[in-house]
């Protein structure tokens, strides 16, 4: 395997109340990437912020922006990730 990229979320660091299970799942992805790296295997976890107009955080975009967490445009994220993977 050349790459092992896991898509995590900023929820691993901070999240709304009642979403502890979601935060824990994202922390597990981060830990899996770290464990792979420690074993000399490829592994990276990308902690993405909320996406604009899609996903669970879309309903809270204004409140998150007021806290300083802007939204990501899905198309831009996909293009950037494609460039990163292609190297």
N, C-alpha and C. Protein backbone atom coordinates (compact mmCIF):
# COMPACT_ATOMS: atom_id res chain seq x y z
N UNK A 1 0.84 -1.15 0.00
CA UNK A 1 0.00 0.00 0.00
C UNK A 1 0.90 1.23 0.00
N UNK A 2 0.67 2.13 -0.93
CA UNK A 2 1.49 3.33 -1.03
C UNK A 2 1.06 4.41 -0.04
N UNK A 3 -0.24 4.58 0.13
CA UNK A 3 -0.77 5.61 1.02
C UNK A 3 -1.87 5.04 1.90
N UNK A 4 -1.99 5.57 3.07
CA UNK A 4 -3.12 5.28 3.95
C UNK A 4 -3.56 6.62 4.52
N UNK A 5 -4.60 7.18 3.94
CA UNK A 5 -5.08 8.50 4.34
C UNK A 5 -6.46 8.35 4.96
N UNK A 6 -6.60 8.83 6.18
CA UNK A 6 -7.87 8.76 6.89
C UNK A 6 -8.45 10.16 6.99
N UNK A 7 -9.74 10.27 6.76
CA UNK A 7 -10.40 11.56 6.83
C UNK A 7 -11.05 11.70 8.19
N UNK A 8 -10.43 12.51 8.99
CA UNK A 8 -10.88 12.77 10.35
C UNK A 8 -11.60 14.11 10.36
N UNK A 9 -11.89 14.60 11.52
CA UNK A 9 -12.64 15.84 11.66
C UNK A 9 -12.10 16.65 12.83
N UNK A 10 -12.33 17.94 12.76
CA UNK A 10 -11.96 18.77 13.90
C UNK A 10 -12.77 18.40 15.14
N UNK A 11 -13.79 17.57 14.95
CA UNK A 11 -14.57 17.09 16.09
C UNK A 11 -13.70 16.29 17.05
N UNK A 12 -12.56 15.79 16.57
CA UNK A 12 -11.63 15.09 17.46
C UNK A 12 -11.07 16.04 18.50
N UNK A 13 -11.05 17.32 18.18
CA UNK A 13 -10.51 18.33 19.08
C UNK A 13 -11.62 19.08 19.80
N UNK A 14 -12.63 19.49 19.04
CA UNK A 14 -13.76 20.19 19.64
C UNK A 14 -15.02 19.88 18.86
N UNK A 15 -16.11 19.73 19.58
CA UNK A 15 -17.36 19.33 18.95
C UNK A 15 -18.51 19.85 19.79
N UNK A 16 -19.70 19.74 19.25
CA UNK A 16 -20.88 20.18 20.00
C UNK A 16 -21.23 19.15 21.07
N UNK A 17 -21.98 19.57 22.04
CA UNK A 17 -22.37 18.65 23.11
C UNK A 17 -23.23 17.54 22.52
N UNK A 18 -23.14 16.37 23.10
CA UNK A 18 -23.90 15.23 22.63
C UNK A 18 -23.24 14.48 21.49
N UNK A 19 -22.05 14.89 21.09
CA UNK A 19 -21.38 14.23 19.97
C UNK A 19 -20.07 13.56 20.41
N UNK A 20 -20.03 13.12 21.65
CA UNK A 20 -18.83 12.48 22.16
C UNK A 20 -18.44 11.24 21.38
N UNK A 21 -19.44 10.48 20.93
CA UNK A 21 -19.16 9.29 20.14
C UNK A 21 -18.49 9.65 18.81
N UNK A 22 -18.91 10.74 18.22
CA UNK A 22 -18.34 11.19 16.95
C UNK A 22 -16.91 11.67 17.15
N UNK A 23 -16.69 12.41 18.22
CA UNK A 23 -15.34 12.88 18.54
C UNK A 23 -14.41 11.69 18.81
N UNK A 24 -14.91 10.69 19.53
CA UNK A 24 -14.09 9.51 19.84
C UNK A 24 -13.72 8.74 18.57
N UNK A 25 -14.65 8.63 17.64
CA UNK A 25 -14.36 7.93 16.38
C UNK A 25 -13.28 8.66 15.59
N UNK A 26 -13.33 9.98 15.59
CA UNK A 26 -12.31 10.75 14.88
C UNK A 26 -10.96 10.65 15.57
N UNK A 27 -10.95 10.61 16.90
CA UNK A 27 -9.69 10.40 17.63
C UNK A 27 -9.11 9.03 17.31
N UNK A 28 -9.96 8.03 17.13
CA UNK A 28 -9.49 6.69 16.78
C UNK A 28 -8.79 6.69 15.42
N UNK A 29 -9.32 7.45 14.46
CA UNK A 29 -8.66 7.55 13.16
C UNK A 29 -7.29 8.21 13.29
N UNK A 30 -7.22 9.25 14.10
CA UNK A 30 -5.94 9.93 14.32
C UNK A 30 -4.92 8.97 14.96
N UNK A 31 -5.39 8.19 15.94
CA UNK A 31 -4.51 7.23 16.62
C UNK A 31 -4.07 6.12 15.67
N UNK A 32 -4.96 5.68 14.79
CA UNK A 32 -4.60 4.65 13.83
C UNK A 32 -3.49 5.14 12.90
N UNK A 33 -3.60 6.36 12.44
CA UNK A 33 -2.56 6.93 11.58
C UNK A 33 -1.23 7.01 12.34
N UNK A 34 -1.28 7.46 13.59
CA UNK A 34 -0.05 7.57 14.39
C UNK A 34 0.57 6.20 14.63
N UNK A 35 -0.26 5.21 14.89
CA UNK A 35 0.25 3.86 15.13
C UNK A 35 0.91 3.29 13.87
N UNK A 36 0.30 3.53 12.72
CA UNK A 36 0.90 3.08 11.45
C UNK A 36 2.24 3.75 11.23
N UNK A 37 2.31 5.05 11.49
CA UNK A 37 3.58 5.78 11.31
C UNK A 37 4.64 5.21 12.23
N UNK A 38 4.28 4.95 13.48
CA UNK A 38 5.23 4.42 14.45
C UNK A 38 5.76 3.04 14.03
N UNK A 39 4.95 2.31 13.29
CA UNK A 39 5.35 0.98 12.81
C UNK A 39 6.08 1.04 11.47
N UNK A 40 6.33 2.26 10.99
CA UNK A 40 7.02 2.42 9.71
C UNK A 40 6.14 2.25 8.50
N UNK A 41 4.83 2.29 8.70
CA UNK A 41 3.87 2.15 7.61
C UNK A 41 3.31 3.51 7.22
N UNK A 42 2.80 3.64 6.00
CA UNK A 42 2.20 4.91 5.62
C UNK A 42 0.92 5.15 6.42
N UNK A 43 0.72 6.38 6.80
CA UNK A 43 -0.50 6.73 7.52
C UNK A 43 -0.58 8.21 7.79
N UNK A 44 -1.72 8.78 7.48
CA UNK A 44 -1.97 10.20 7.75
C UNK A 44 -3.45 10.37 8.01
N UNK A 45 -3.77 11.22 8.96
CA UNK A 45 -5.16 11.56 9.25
C UNK A 45 -5.32 13.06 8.99
N UNK A 46 -6.24 13.39 8.14
CA UNK A 46 -6.50 14.79 7.82
C UNK A 46 -7.72 15.24 8.61
N UNK A 47 -7.51 16.17 9.52
CA UNK A 47 -8.63 16.69 10.30
C UNK A 47 -9.26 17.85 9.53
N UNK A 48 -10.36 17.54 8.90
CA UNK A 48 -11.06 18.54 8.11
C UNK A 48 -12.09 19.26 8.97
N UNK A 49 -12.25 20.53 8.70
CA UNK A 49 -13.27 21.32 9.38
C UNK A 49 -14.62 21.11 8.72
N UNK A 50 -15.60 21.90 9.10
CA UNK A 50 -16.94 21.72 8.54
C UNK A 50 -16.99 22.12 7.06
N UNK A 51 -17.80 21.38 6.33
CA UNK A 51 -18.00 21.68 4.91
C UNK A 51 -19.18 22.63 4.75
N UNK A 52 -19.08 23.50 3.79
CA UNK A 52 -20.14 24.45 3.50
C UNK A 52 -21.27 23.74 2.77
N UNK A 53 -22.46 23.88 3.24
CA UNK A 53 -23.69 23.42 2.59
C UNK A 53 -23.91 21.90 2.58
N UNK A 54 -23.01 21.11 3.14
CA UNK A 54 -23.22 19.66 3.20
C UNK A 54 -22.70 19.12 4.54
N UNK A 55 -23.20 17.99 4.95
CA UNK A 55 -22.70 17.35 6.15
C UNK A 55 -23.38 17.81 7.42
N UNK A 56 -22.94 17.22 8.52
CA UNK A 56 -23.57 17.47 9.81
C UNK A 56 -23.41 18.91 10.28
N UNK A 57 -22.29 19.54 9.97
CA UNK A 57 -22.03 20.89 10.48
C UNK A 57 -22.68 21.99 9.64
N UNK A 58 -23.24 21.63 8.49
CA UNK A 58 -23.82 22.65 7.60
C UNK A 58 -24.91 23.46 8.29
N UNK A 59 -25.66 22.82 9.16
CA UNK A 59 -26.73 23.52 9.87
C UNK A 59 -26.21 24.51 10.90
N UNK A 60 -24.93 24.37 11.26
CA UNK A 60 -24.34 25.20 12.30
C UNK A 60 -23.25 26.12 11.76
N UNK A 61 -23.20 26.31 10.45
CA UNK A 61 -22.12 27.07 9.82
C UNK A 61 -21.99 28.49 10.38
N UNK A 62 -23.09 29.17 10.59
CA UNK A 62 -23.03 30.54 11.09
C UNK A 62 -22.50 30.59 12.53
N UNK A 63 -22.96 29.66 13.36
CA UNK A 63 -22.49 29.63 14.75
C UNK A 63 -21.01 29.29 14.81
N UNK A 64 -20.57 28.36 13.96
CA UNK A 64 -19.15 28.00 13.93
C UNK A 64 -18.30 29.15 13.42
N UNK A 65 -18.80 29.87 12.42
CA UNK A 65 -18.07 31.02 11.88
C UNK A 65 -17.92 32.09 12.95
N UNK A 66 -18.93 32.26 13.79
CA UNK A 66 -18.86 33.24 14.87
C UNK A 66 -17.77 32.88 15.87
N UNK A 67 -17.43 31.59 15.95
CA UNK A 67 -16.36 31.13 16.83
C UNK A 67 -14.99 31.14 16.13
N UNK A 68 -15.01 31.51 14.84
CA UNK A 68 -13.75 31.59 14.10
C UNK A 68 -13.45 30.37 13.25
N UNK A 69 -14.38 29.44 13.15
CA UNK A 69 -14.17 28.24 12.35
C UNK A 69 -14.99 28.35 11.07
N UNK A 70 -14.30 28.73 10.00
CA UNK A 70 -14.97 28.88 8.72
C UNK A 70 -15.25 27.53 8.07
N UNK A 71 -16.10 27.56 7.07
CA UNK A 71 -16.48 26.35 6.35
C UNK A 71 -15.60 26.13 5.13
N UNK A 72 -15.46 24.86 4.76
CA UNK A 72 -14.69 24.47 3.58
C UNK A 72 -15.63 24.21 2.42
N UNK A 73 -15.20 24.57 1.23
CA UNK A 73 -15.98 24.27 0.04
C UNK A 73 -15.61 22.87 -0.43
N UNK A 74 -16.56 21.95 -0.54
CA UNK A 74 -16.25 20.56 -0.88
C UNK A 74 -15.43 20.42 -2.17
N UNK A 75 -15.74 21.16 -3.19
CA UNK A 75 -15.00 21.03 -4.45
C UNK A 75 -13.53 21.39 -4.26
N UNK A 76 -13.26 22.46 -3.52
CA UNK A 76 -11.88 22.87 -3.28
C UNK A 76 -11.12 21.83 -2.47
N UNK A 77 -11.78 21.24 -1.49
CA UNK A 77 -11.14 20.20 -0.68
C UNK A 77 -10.80 18.99 -1.55
N UNK A 78 -11.73 18.57 -2.38
CA UNK A 78 -11.48 17.41 -3.26
C UNK A 78 -10.32 17.68 -4.21
N UNK A 79 -10.28 18.86 -4.79
CA UNK A 79 -9.18 19.19 -5.70
C UNK A 79 -7.85 19.21 -4.97
N UNK A 80 -7.82 19.79 -3.80
CA UNK A 80 -6.58 19.86 -3.01
C UNK A 80 -6.10 18.48 -2.60
N UNK A 81 -7.02 17.63 -2.14
CA UNK A 81 -6.64 16.28 -1.75
C UNK A 81 -6.13 15.47 -2.94
N UNK A 82 -6.73 15.67 -4.09
CA UNK A 82 -6.25 14.98 -5.29
C UNK A 82 -4.82 15.39 -5.61
N UNK A 83 -4.54 16.67 -5.51
CA UNK A 83 -3.17 17.15 -5.76
C UNK A 83 -2.18 16.58 -4.75
N UNK A 84 -2.60 16.50 -3.50
CA UNK A 84 -1.72 15.98 -2.45
C UNK A 84 -1.41 14.50 -2.67
N UNK A 85 -2.39 13.72 -3.03
CA UNK A 85 -2.19 12.28 -3.22
C UNK A 85 -1.34 12.01 -4.45
N UNK A 86 -1.52 12.81 -5.48
CA UNK A 86 -0.73 12.63 -6.69
C UNK A 86 0.73 13.05 -6.49
N UNK A 87 0.94 13.89 -5.47
CA UNK A 87 2.29 14.30 -5.10
C UNK A 87 2.90 15.24 -6.09
